[in-house]
């Protein structure tokens, strides 16, 4: 059946689709009017400050909470439908495992709870970390504990893996090893990954798609190889009067003025002034600029937005 969000398109082309998605608690809106698409097969970095709505979005995708308004779909199926559960796996910061179970018992539990369980894959991930299968979960180091949790997630054979900063408490070496494991497993199986993280440099190395939230709204969405080249860093002399006057034809995401000089991150619209110094920003610089400027027009690349949206493309 054709997808309601993309008439005539294949539902499986989009791992996640949100349209007008919102969640309200007593204290206010955690998410509001969120619309985006995540193409299948991407490694997506979910970025935003504390309270931006990242955990709320993941909670909606995993049916832990229900939306107040709008709709979220997983491979064309409403997220609340039981049919999405076998296709998704979730791993949070706490990585809850039974501390009294051995590693072998933990994997056997995974096999009992998941009809499509891949024991060979789960055991390979554990063995690669040199973790004794008779060791109890409560005796494992942080990196070993997280590796077993990843083994459970990949053993389920999900099409969509949702990660809420599961490596936040690990040392750099363990983060690197488990990040490499995640990328290798996802590439081998074509899994879509949504990974929440505060480490922007890590996302630059691992992710090919971005979803940035701020104040409960989508600030940036799309493929990294389209988002970064759409921005430029320009530096020039401040004009008399309004320092931003020379930038008027362009979309200014963020700017700073120091004395008689300005630096701005822009999305250019037309030719640039020849006296300006121009540089291509890093992904981290683009992300920080959008997070500092929640009122700047949010770009969505064509792969990330709905045809019906009025948002500008990057």
C-alpha atoms as a PDB file:
ATOM      1  CA  UNK A   1       0.000   0.000   0.000  1.00  0.00           C
ATOM      2  CA  UNK A   2       1.339   3.456  -0.851  1.00  0.00           C
ATOM      3  CA  UNK A   3       2.615   5.527   2.072  1.00  0.00           C
ATOM      4  CA  UNK A   4       0.253   8.239   3.221  1.00  0.00           C
ATOM      5  CA  UNK A   5       3.140  10.688   3.628  1.00  0.00           C
ATOM      6  CA  UNK A   6       4.639   9.986   0.194  1.00  0.00           C
ATOM      7  CA  UNK A   7       1.904   9.086  -2.299  1.00  0.00           C
ATOM      8  CA  UNK A   8       3.118   6.389  -4.643  1.00  0.00           C
ATOM      9  CA  UNK A   9       6.321   5.829  -2.652  1.00  0.00           C
ATOM     10  CA  UNK A  10       7.516   2.686  -0.914  1.00  0.00           C
ATOM     11  CA  UNK A  11       6.854   2.709   2.852  1.00  0.00           C
ATOM     12  CA  UNK A  12      10.170   0.929   3.467  1.00  0.00           C
ATOM     13  CA  UNK A  13      12.045   3.821   1.852  1.00  0.00           C
ATOM     14  CA  UNK A  14      11.609   5.786   5.096  1.00  0.00           C
ATOM     15  CA  UNK A  15      12.736   4.312   8.401  1.00  0.00           C
ATOM     16  CA  UNK A  16      11.116   7.144  10.389  1.00  0.00           C
ATOM     17  CA  UNK A  17       8.533   9.722   9.324  1.00  0.00           C
ATOM     18  CA  UNK A  18       7.075  12.402  11.546  1.00  0.00           C
ATOM     19  CA  UNK A  19       4.341  14.802  10.563  1.00  0.00           C
ATOM     20  CA  UNK A  20       3.138  17.490  12.962  1.00  0.00           C
ATOM     21  CA  UNK A  21       4.428  15.324  15.810  1.00  0.00           C
ATOM     22  CA  UNK A  22       4.022  16.725  19.314  1.00  0.00           C
ATOM     23  CA  UNK A  23       4.117  15.579  22.925  1.00  0.00           C
ATOM     24  CA  UNK A  24       2.867  17.704  25.794  1.00  0.00           C
ATOM     25  CA  UNK A  25       3.392  17.135  29.502  1.00  0.00           C
ATOM     26  CA  UNK A  26       2.011  19.176  32.397  1.00  0.00           C
ATOM     27  CA  UNK A  27       5.078  21.415  32.355  1.00  0.00           C
ATOM     28  CA  UNK A  28       4.660  22.138  28.643  1.00  0.00           C
ATOM     29  CA  UNK A  29       5.546  20.846  25.200  1.00  0.00           C
ATOM     30  CA  UNK A  30       8.525  18.483  24.979  1.00  0.00           C
ATOM     31  CA  UNK A  31       8.066  18.218  21.198  1.00  0.00           C
ATOM     32  CA  UNK A  32       5.988  20.468  18.976  1.00  0.00           C
ATOM     33  CA  UNK A  33       5.125  20.421  15.274  1.00  0.00           C
ATOM     34  CA  UNK A  34       7.981  18.105  14.282  1.00  0.00           C
ATOM     35  CA  UNK A  35       8.016  16.962  10.657  1.00  0.00           C
ATOM     36  CA  UNK A  36      10.892  15.072   9.034  1.00  0.00           C
ATOM     37  CA  UNK A  37      11.828  11.924   7.148  1.00  0.00           C
ATOM     38  CA  UNK A  38      14.748   9.604   7.794  1.00  0.00           C
ATOM     39  CA  UNK A  39      15.641   7.499   4.724  1.00  0.00           C
ATOM     40  CA  UNK A  40      16.260   3.822   5.456  1.00  0.00           C
ATOM     41  CA  UNK A  41      19.850   2.656   5.760  1.00  0.00           C
ATOM     42  CA  UNK A  42      21.243   5.859   7.278  1.00  0.00           C
ATOM     43  CA  UNK A  43      23.314   6.334  10.433  1.00  0.00           C
ATOM     44  CA  UNK A  44      21.508   9.322  11.922  1.00  0.00           C
ATOM     45  CA  UNK A  45      22.891  11.531  14.676  1.00  0.00           C
ATOM     46  CA  UNK A  46      20.165  12.890  16.971  1.00  0.00           C
ATOM     47  CA  UNK A  47      21.513  16.131  18.422  1.00  0.00           C
ATOM     48  CA  UNK A  48      20.267  18.796  20.795  1.00  0.00           C
ATOM     49  CA  UNK A  49      20.804  20.333  24.237  1.00  0.00           C
ATOM     50  CA  UNK A  50      19.314  18.817  27.362  1.00  0.00           C
ATOM     51  CA  UNK A  51      15.542  19.163  27.264  1.00  0.00           C
ATOM     52  CA  UNK A  52      15.431  19.522  23.479  1.00  0.00           C
ATOM     53  CA  UNK A  53      13.111  16.523  23.051  1.00  0.00           C
ATOM     54  CA  UNK A  54      15.567  13.796  21.990  1.00  0.00           C
ATOM     55  CA  UNK A  55      14.533  11.227  24.605  1.00  0.00           C
ATOM     56  CA  UNK A  56      10.879  12.105  24.013  1.00  0.00           C
ATOM     57  CA  UNK A  57      11.246  11.348  20.297  1.00  0.00           C
ATOM     58  CA  UNK A  58      12.930   8.032  21.049  1.00  0.00           C
ATOM     59  CA  UNK A  59      10.219   7.252  23.599  1.00  0.00           C
ATOM     60  CA  UNK A  60       7.545   7.855  20.957  1.00  0.00           C
ATOM     61  CA  UNK A  61       9.371   5.616  18.482  1.00  0.00           C
ATOM     62  CA  UNK A  62       9.591   2.795  21.041  1.00  0.00           C
ATOM     63  CA  UNK A  63       5.957   3.104  22.237  1.00  0.00           C
ATOM     64  CA  UNK A  64       7.022   4.051  25.759  1.00  0.00           C
ATOM     65  CA  UNK A  65       4.891   7.201  25.439  1.00  0.00           C
ATOM     66  CA  UNK A  66       2.088   8.287  23.123  1.00  0.00           C
ATOM     67  CA  UNK A  67       1.977  11.488  21.058  1.00  0.00           C
ATOM     68  CA  UNK A  68      -0.316  14.373  21.951  1.00  0.00           C
ATOM     69  CA  UNK A  69      -0.663  15.361  18.315  1.00  0.00           C
ATOM     70  CA  UNK A  70       0.578  14.387  14.879  1.00  0.00           C
ATOM     71  CA  UNK A  71       1.905  11.054  13.723  1.00  0.00           C
ATOM     72  CA  UNK A  72       5.119   9.042  13.732  1.00  0.00           C
ATOM     73  CA  UNK A  73       5.612   6.120  11.341  1.00  0.00           C
ATOM     74  CA  UNK A  74       8.216   3.363  11.245  1.00  0.00           C
ATOM     75  CA  UNK A  75       8.717   1.903   7.770  1.00  0.00           C
ATOM     76  CA  UNK A  76       5.294   3.210   6.779  1.00  0.00           C
ATOM     77  CA  UNK A  77       3.469   1.760   9.798  1.00  0.00           C
ATOM     78  CA  UNK A  78       2.172   3.907  12.705  1.00  0.00           C
ATOM     79  CA  UNK A  79       4.684   3.713  15.547  1.00  0.00           C
ATOM     80  CA  UNK A  80       1.992   2.514  17.947  1.00  0.00           C
ATOM     81  CA  UNK A  81       1.240  -0.543  15.820  1.00  0.00           C
ATOM     82  CA  UNK A  82       2.470  -3.863  17.252  1.00  0.00           C
ATOM     83  CA  UNK A  83       3.894  -4.714  13.822  1.00  0.00           C
ATOM     84  CA  UNK A  84       6.760  -2.247  14.390  1.00  0.00           C
ATOM     85  CA  UNK A  85       8.103  -3.987  17.496  1.00  0.00           C
ATOM     86  CA  UNK A  86       9.983  -6.857  15.801  1.00  0.00           C
ATOM     87  CA  UNK A  87      11.651  -4.354  13.461  1.00  0.00           C
ATOM     88  CA  UNK A  88      13.058  -2.043  16.157  1.00  0.00           C
ATOM     89  CA  UNK A  89      15.569  -2.351  18.990  1.00  0.00           C
ATOM     90  CA  UNK A  90      16.264   0.259  21.664  1.00  0.00           C
ATOM     91  CA  UNK A  91      19.299   0.780  23.843  1.00  0.00           C
ATOM     92  CA  UNK A  92      19.299   3.515  26.483  1.00  0.00           C
ATOM     93  CA  UNK A  93      21.894   5.010  28.799  1.00  0.00           C
ATOM     94  CA  UNK A  94      21.060   2.671  31.684  1.00  0.00           C
ATOM     95  CA  UNK A  95      21.326  -0.513  29.516  1.00  0.00           C
ATOM     96  CA  UNK A  96      19.175  -2.549  31.938  1.00  0.00           C
ATOM     97  CA  UNK A  97      20.382  -6.158  32.180  1.00  0.00           C
ATOM     98  CA  UNK A  98      19.803  -8.675  34.976  1.00  0.00           C
ATOM     99  CA  UNK A  99      22.955  -8.424  37.104  1.00  0.00           C
ATOM    100  CA  UNK A 100      22.566 -11.960  38.481  1.00  0.00           C
ATOM    101  CA  UNK A 101      22.410 -13.549  35.031  1.00  0.00           C
ATOM    102  CA  UNK A 102      25.490 -14.858  33.299  1.00  0.00           C
ATOM    103  CA  UNK A 103      26.301 -13.601  29.810  1.00  0.00           C
ATOM    104  CA  UNK A 104      25.160 -16.937  28.363  1.00  0.00           C
ATOM    105  CA  UNK A 105      21.868 -16.746  30.257  1.00  0.00           C
ATOM    106  CA  UNK A 106      21.350 -13.187  29.042  1.00  0.00           C
ATOM    107  CA  UNK A 107      21.769 -14.241  25.410  1.00  0.00           C
ATOM    108  CA  UNK A 108      19.477 -17.225  25.954  1.00  0.00           C
ATOM    109  CA  UNK A 109      16.839 -14.826  27.325  1.00  0.00           C
ATOM    110  CA  UNK A 110      17.194 -12.793  24.149  1.00  0.00           C
ATOM    111  CA  UNK A 111      16.557 -15.931  22.116  1.00  0.00           C
ATOM    112  CA  UNK A 112      13.429 -16.745  24.130  1.00  0.00           C
ATOM    113  CA  UNK A 113      11.963 -13.243  23.719  1.00  0.00           C
ATOM    114  CA  UNK A 114      12.725 -12.668  20.020  1.00  0.00           C
ATOM    115  CA  UNK A 115      11.433 -15.089  17.357  1.00  0.00           C
ATOM    116  CA  UNK A 116      14.000 -13.955  14.755  1.00  0.00           C
ATOM    117  CA  UNK A 117      16.922 -14.152  17.181  1.00  0.00           C
ATOM    118  CA  UNK A 118      20.393 -14.534  15.669  1.00  0.00           C
ATOM    119  CA  UNK A 119      22.426 -16.336  18.328  1.00  0.00           C
ATOM    120  CA  UNK A 120      25.509 -16.660  16.131  1.00  0.00           C
ATOM    121  CA  UNK A 121      25.673 -12.885  15.690  1.00  0.00           C
ATOM    122  CA  UNK A 122      25.102 -12.152  19.388  1.00  0.00           C
ATOM    123  CA  UNK A 123      27.776 -14.646  20.429  1.00  0.00           C
ATOM    124  CA  UNK A 124      30.234 -13.244  17.870  1.00  0.00           C
ATOM    125  CA  UNK A 125      29.858  -9.745  19.335  1.00  0.00           C
ATOM    126  CA  UNK A 126      30.448 -11.044  22.868  1.00  0.00           C
ATOM    127  CA  UNK A 127      33.411 -13.228  21.874  1.00  0.00           C
ATOM    128  CA  UNK A 128      35.057 -10.327  20.010  1.00  0.00           C
ATOM    129  CA  UNK A 129      35.172  -8.495  23.338  1.00  0.00           C
ATOM    130  CA  UNK A 130      36.755 -11.516  25.061  1.00  0.00           C
ATOM    131  CA  UNK A 131      33.937 -11.657  27.584  1.00  0.00           C
ATOM    132  CA  UNK A 132      33.584 -15.029  29.388  1.00  0.00           C
ATOM    133  CA  UNK A 133      30.066 -16.339  28.795  1.00  0.00           C
ATOM    134  CA  UNK A 134      29.933 -17.694  32.364  1.00  0.00           C
ATOM    135  CA  UNK A 135      30.645 -14.245  33.844  1.00  0.00           C
ATOM    136  CA  UNK A 136      27.750 -12.595  35.647  1.00  0.00           C
ATOM    137  CA  UNK A 137      26.509  -9.271  34.290  1.00  0.00           C
ATOM    138  CA  UNK A 138      27.079  -7.551  37.630  1.00  0.00           C
ATOM    139  CA  UNK A 139      30.821  -8.329  37.486  1.00  0.00           C
ATOM    140  CA  UNK A 140      31.437  -6.834  34.023  1.00  0.00           C
ATOM    141  CA  UNK A 141      33.197  -3.556  33.323  1.00  0.00           C
ATOM    142  CA  UNK A 142      31.260  -0.680  31.771  1.00  0.00           C
ATOM    143  CA  UNK A 143      32.560  -1.477  28.291  1.00  0.00           C
ATOM    144  CA  UNK A 144      31.799  -5.186  28.650  1.00  0.00           C
ATOM    145  CA  UNK A 145      28.295  -4.455  29.949  1.00  0.00           C
ATOM    146  CA  UNK A 146      27.611  -2.185  26.971  1.00  0.00           C
ATOM    147  CA  UNK A 147      28.980  -4.795  24.532  1.00  0.00           C
ATOM    148  CA  UNK A 148      26.567  -7.411  25.886  1.00  0.00           C
ATOM    149  CA  UNK A 149      23.728  -4.903  25.551  1.00  0.00           C
ATOM    150  CA  UNK A 150      24.750  -4.309  21.904  1.00  0.00           C
ATOM    151  CA  UNK A 151      24.819  -8.077  21.381  1.00  0.00           C
ATOM    152  CA  UNK A 152      21.200  -8.244  22.553  1.00  0.00           C
ATOM    153  CA  UNK A 153      20.223  -5.381  20.270  1.00  0.00           C
ATOM    154  CA  UNK A 154      21.858  -6.809  17.147  1.00  0.00           C
ATOM    155  CA  UNK A 155      20.814 -10.365  18.002  1.00  0.00           C
ATOM    156  CA  UNK A 156      17.220  -9.245  17.622  1.00  0.00           C
ATOM    157  CA  UNK A 157      17.986  -8.524  13.928  1.00  0.00           C
ATOM    158  CA  UNK A 158      16.265  -5.121  13.908  1.00  0.00           C
ATOM    159  CA  UNK A 159      15.752  -2.953  10.858  1.00  0.00           C
ATOM    160  CA  UNK A 160      15.872   0.169  13.049  1.00  0.00           C
ATOM    161  CA  UNK A 161      18.223   0.569  16.012  1.00  0.00           C
ATOM    162  CA  UNK A 162      17.501   3.442  18.407  1.00  0.00           C
ATOM    163  CA  UNK A 163      20.301   4.505  20.754  1.00  0.00           C
ATOM    164  CA  UNK A 164      19.905   6.991  23.602  1.00  0.00           C
ATOM    165  CA  UNK A 165      23.547   7.749  24.478  1.00  0.00           C
ATOM    166  CA  UNK A 166      24.407   4.160  25.483  1.00  0.00           C
ATOM    167  CA  UNK A 167      28.158   4.902  25.330  1.00  0.00           C
ATOM    168  CA  UNK A 168      28.079   8.144  27.336  1.00  0.00           C
ATOM    169  CA  UNK A 169      29.722   6.595  30.407  1.00  0.00           C
ATOM    170  CA  UNK A 170      32.549   4.804  28.584  1.00  0.00           C
ATOM    171  CA  UNK A 171      36.198   5.780  28.215  1.00  0.00           C
ATOM    172  CA  UNK A 172      37.401   6.939  24.762  1.00  0.00           C
ATOM    173  CA  UNK A 173      38.908   3.556  23.816  1.00  0.00           C
ATOM    174  CA  UNK A 174      35.739   1.638  24.695  1.00  0.00           C
ATOM    175  CA  UNK A 175      33.642   4.216  22.829  1.00  0.00           C
ATOM    176  CA  UNK A 176      35.831   3.817  19.746  1.00  0.00           C
ATOM    177  CA  UNK A 177      35.666   0.005  19.843  1.00  0.00           C
ATOM    178  CA  UNK A 178      31.898  -0.118  20.300  1.00  0.00           C
ATOM    179  CA  UNK A 179      31.328   2.632  17.745  1.00  0.00           C
ATOM    180  CA  UNK A 180      33.299   0.601  15.195  1.00  0.00           C
ATOM    181  CA  UNK A 181      31.281  -2.475  16.136  1.00  0.00           C
ATOM    182  CA  UNK A 182      28.013  -0.621  15.611  1.00  0.00           C
ATOM    183  CA  UNK A 183      29.052   0.727  12.205  1.00  0.00           C
ATOM    184  CA  UNK A 184      30.276  -2.668  11.005  1.00  0.00           C
ATOM    185  CA  UNK A 185      27.126  -4.508  12.099  1.00  0.00           C
ATOM    186  CA  UNK A 186      24.816  -1.827  10.716  1.00  0.00           C
ATOM    187  CA  UNK A 187      26.615  -1.780   7.358  1.00  0.00           C
ATOM    188  CA  UNK A 188      26.572  -5.566   7.044  1.00  0.00           C
ATOM    189  CA  UNK A 189      22.824  -5.783   7.607  1.00  0.00           C
ATOM    190  CA  UNK A 190      21.655  -2.453   6.201  1.00  0.00           C
ATOM    191  CA  UNK A 191      20.283  -1.364   9.588  1.00  0.00           C
ATOM    192  CA  UNK A 192      19.076   2.196  10.102  1.00  0.00           C
ATOM    193  CA  UNK A 193      20.570   3.684  13.277  1.00  0.00           C
ATOM    194  CA  UNK A 194      19.338   6.729  15.212  1.00  0.00           C
ATOM    195  CA  UNK A 195      21.976   7.676  17.768  1.00  0.00           C
ATOM    196  CA  UNK A 196      21.513  10.415  20.345  1.00  0.00           C
ATOM    197  CA  UNK A 197      24.819  11.971  21.395  1.00  0.00           C
ATOM    198  CA  UNK A 198      26.291  15.152  22.851  1.00  0.00           C
ATOM    199  CA  UNK A 199      29.726  14.482  21.322  1.00  0.00           C
ATOM    200  CA  UNK A 200      29.597  16.394  18.053  1.00  0.00           C
ATOM    201  CA  UNK A 201      33.038  15.256  16.915  1.00  0.00           C
ATOM    202  CA  UNK A 202      31.913  11.648  17.295  1.00  0.00           C
ATOM    203  CA  UNK A 203      28.887  12.252  15.085  1.00  0.00           C
ATOM    204  CA  UNK A 204      31.055  13.773  12.365  1.00  0.00           C
ATOM    205  CA  UNK A 205      33.009  10.509  12.135  1.00  0.00           C
ATOM    206  CA  UNK A 206      30.069   8.119  12.365  1.00  0.00           C
ATOM    207  CA  UNK A 207      26.913   9.687  10.938  1.00  0.00           C
ATOM    208  CA  UNK A 208      25.769  10.378   7.381  1.00  0.00           C
ATOM    209  CA  UNK A 209      22.455  11.964   8.405  1.00  0.00           C
ATOM    210  CA  UNK A 210      21.468  14.478  11.082  1.00  0.00           C
ATOM    211  CA  UNK A 211      18.370  15.382  13.031  1.00  0.00           C
ATOM    212  CA  UNK A 212      18.880  18.395  15.300  1.00  0.00           C
ATOM    213  CA  UNK A 213      16.289  19.368  17.908  1.00  0.00           C
ATOM    214  CA  UNK A 214      16.128  22.560  19.969  1.00  0.00           C
ATOM    215  CA  UNK A 215      13.301  23.753  22.207  1.00  0.00           C
ATOM    216  CA  UNK A 216      11.195  20.791  21.096  1.00  0.00           C
ATOM    217  CA  UNK A 217      11.358  21.581  17.377  1.00  0.00           C
ATOM    218  CA  UNK A 218      13.370  20.330  14.414  1.00  0.00           C
ATOM    219  CA  UNK A 219      16.256  22.720  13.769  1.00  0.00           C
ATOM    220  CA  UNK A 220      18.117  20.798  11.085  1.00  0.00           C
ATOM    221  CA  UNK A 221      17.440  17.606   9.155  1.00  0.00           C
ATOM    222  CA  UNK A 222      19.174  15.890   6.276  1.00  0.00           C
ATOM    223  CA  UNK A 223      22.265  14.200   4.914  1.00  0.00           C
ATOM    224  CA  UNK A 224      25.551  15.580   6.220  1.00  0.00           C
ATOM    225  CA  UNK A 225      27.077  15.750   2.735  1.00  0.00           C
ATOM    226  CA  UNK A 226      24.286  18.154   1.751  1.00  0.00           C
ATOM    227  CA  UNK A 227      24.001  20.140   4.987  1.00  0.00           C
ATOM    228  CA  UNK A 228      27.628  21.196   5.453  1.00  0.00           C
ATOM    229  CA  UNK A 229      28.309  22.439   1.881  1.00  0.00           C
ATOM    230  CA  UNK A 230      25.126  24.513   2.057  1.00  0.00           C
ATOM    231  CA  UNK A 231      26.781  26.740   4.682  1.00  0.00           C
ATOM    232  CA  UNK A 232      29.738  29.122   4.568  1.00  0.00           C
ATOM    233  CA  UNK A 233      31.763  30.989   7.186  1.00  0.00           C
ATOM    234  CA  UNK A 234      32.323  34.596   6.120  1.00  0.00           C
ATOM    235  CA  UNK A 235      34.448  37.225   7.822  1.00  0.00           C
ATOM    236  CA  UNK A 236      34.488  40.905   6.983  1.00  0.00           C
ATOM    237  CA  UNK A 237      34.496  44.484   8.192  1.00  0.00           C
ATOM    238  CA  UNK A 238      31.488  45.805  10.081  1.00  0.00           C
ATOM    239  CA  UNK A 239      29.532  48.415   8.113  1.00  0.00           C
ATOM    240  CA  UNK A 240      28.447  51.680   9.696  1.00  0.00           C
ATOM    241  CA  UNK A 241      25.025  51.407  11.308  1.00  0.00           C
ATOM    242  CA  UNK A 242      23.633  47.882  11.127  1.00  0.00           C
ATOM    243  CA  UNK A 243      26.564  45.418  11.222  1.00  0.00           C
ATOM    244  CA  UNK A 244      24.447  42.748   9.473  1.00  0.00           C
ATOM    245  CA  UNK A 245      23.353  44.987   6.599  1.00  0.00           C
ATOM    246  CA  UNK A 246      25.889  43.519   4.111  1.00  0.00           C
ATOM    247  CA  UNK A 247      24.559  40.031   4.908  1.00  0.00           C
ATOM    248  CA  UNK A 248      20.942  40.910   4.125  1.00  0.00           C
ATOM    249  CA  UNK A 249      20.606  38.864   0.891  1.00  0.00           C
ATOM    250  CA  UNK A 250      21.782  35.708   2.681  1.00  0.00           C
ATOM    251  CA  UNK A 251      20.287  33.526   5.417  1.00  0.00           C
ATOM    252  CA  UNK A 252      22.265  34.287   8.566  1.00  0.00           C
ATOM    253  CA  UNK A 253      22.321  31.346  10.972  1.00  0.00           C
ATOM    254  CA  UNK A 254      24.683  32.818  13.561  1.00  0.00           C
ATOM    255  CA  UNK A 255      27.035  35.791  13.785  1.00  0.00           C
ATOM    256  CA  UNK A 256      29.549  37.406  16.085  1.00  0.00           C
ATOM    257  CA  UNK A 257      30.913  40.955  16.091  1.00  0.00           C
ATOM    258  CA  UNK A 258      34.277  41.828  17.615  1.00  0.00           C
ATOM    259  CA  UNK A 259      35.311  45.412  17.258  1.00  0.00           C
ATOM    260  CA  UNK A 260      35.134  46.328  13.574  1.00  0.00           C
ATOM    261  CA  UNK A 261      35.029  42.727  12.338  1.00  0.00           C
ATOM    262  CA  UNK A 262      32.210  40.209  12.042  1.00  0.00           C
ATOM    263  CA  UNK A 263      32.107  36.481  11.437  1.00  0.00           C
ATOM    264  CA  UNK A 264      28.888  34.801  10.337  1.00  0.00           C
ATOM    265  CA  UNK A 265      27.687  31.358   9.362  1.00  0.00           C
ATOM    266  CA  UNK A 266      25.366  31.800   6.404  1.00  0.00           C
ATOM    267  CA  UNK A 267      23.456  29.915   3.772  1.00  0.00           C
ATOM    268  CA  UNK A 268      24.397  31.986   0.720  1.00  0.00           C
ATOM    269  CA  UNK A 269      21.765  33.394  -1.604  1.00  0.00           C
ATOM    270  CA  UNK A 270      23.601  34.967  -4.486  1.00  0.00           C
ATOM    271  CA  UNK A 271      27.166  36.265  -4.909  1.00  0.00           C
ATOM    272  CA  UNK A 272      29.368  37.067  -1.932  1.00  0.00           C
ATOM    273  CA  UNK A 273      31.282  40.308  -1.512  1.00  0.00           C
ATOM    274  CA  UNK A 274      34.832  40.002  -2.827  1.00  0.00           C
ATOM    275  CA  UNK A 275      36.331  41.628   0.271  1.00  0.00           C
ATOM    276  CA  UNK A 276      34.986  38.901   2.550  1.00  0.00           C
ATOM    277  CA  UNK A 277      37.156  36.005   3.710  1.00  0.00           C
ATOM    278  CA  UNK A 278      35.222  32.800   3.018  1.00  0.00           C
ATOM    279  CA  UNK A 279      35.772  29.320   4.494  1.00  0.00           C
ATOM    280  CA  UNK A 280      33.854  26.035   4.543  1.00  0.00           C
ATOM    281  CA  UNK A 281      32.691  25.241   8.085  1.00  0.00           C
ATOM    282  CA  UNK A 282      33.067  21.922   9.852  1.00  0.00           C
ATOM    283  CA  UNK A 283      30.003  19.883  10.765  1.00  0.00           C
ATOM    284  CA  UNK A 284      30.565  20.809  14.412  1.00  0.00           C
ATOM    285  CA  UNK A 285      30.561  24.524  13.561  1.00  0.00           C
ATOM    286  CA  UNK A 286      27.284  24.157  11.642  1.00  0.00           C
ATOM    287  CA  UNK A 287      25.645  22.260  14.481  1.00  0.00           C
ATOM    288  CA  UNK A 288      26.771  24.693  17.168  1.00  0.00           C
ATOM    289  CA  UNK A 289      25.582  27.662  15.129  1.00  0.00           C
ATOM    290  CA  UNK A 290      22.099  26.215  14.704  1.00  0.00           C
ATOM    291  CA  UNK A 291      21.902  25.254  18.369  1.00  0.00           C
ATOM    292  CA  UNK A 292      22.910  28.790  19.406  1.00  0.00           C
ATOM    293  CA  UNK A 293      20.332  30.358  17.081  1.00  0.00           C
ATOM    294  CA  UNK A 294      16.967  28.601  17.528  1.00  0.00           C
ATOM    295  CA  UNK A 295      15.171  31.378  15.632  1.00  0.00           C
ATOM    296  CA  UNK A 296      17.162  30.936  12.406  1.00  0.00           C
ATOM    297  CA  UNK A 297      15.195  29.381   9.501  1.00  0.00           C
ATOM    298  CA  UNK A 298      15.598  25.591   9.843  1.00  0.00           C
ATOM    299  CA  UNK A 299      16.894  23.893   6.680  1.00  0.00           C
ATOM    300  CA  UNK A 300      15.694  20.441   5.618  1.00  0.00           C
ATOM    301  CA  UNK A 301      17.480  18.759   2.725  1.00  0.00           C
ATOM    302  CA  UNK A 302      15.155  17.262   0.084  1.00  0.00           C
ATOM    303  CA  UNK A 303      15.695  13.731   1.432  1.00  0.00           C
ATOM    304  CA  UNK A 304      14.495  14.763   4.910  1.00  0.00           C
ATOM    305  CA  UNK A 305      11.388  16.866   4.294  1.00  0.00           C
ATOM    306  CA  UNK A 306       7.824  16.232   3.194  1.00  0.00           C
ATOM    307  CA  UNK A 307       6.678  17.608  -0.121  1.00  0.00           C
ATOM    308  CA  UNK A 308       3.831  19.351   1.679  1.00  0.00           C
ATOM    309  CA  UNK A 309       6.167  21.247   4.024  1.00  0.00           C
ATOM    310  CA  UNK A 310       6.924  24.875   3.518  1.00  0.00           C
ATOM    311  CA  UNK A 311      10.400  24.623   5.093  1.00  0.00           C
ATOM    312  CA  UNK A 312      13.266  25.763   2.866  1.00  0.00           C
ATOM    313  CA  UNK A 313      15.785  23.207   1.709  1.00  0.00           C
ATOM    314  CA  UNK A 314      19.394  23.464   2.700  1.00  0.00           C
END
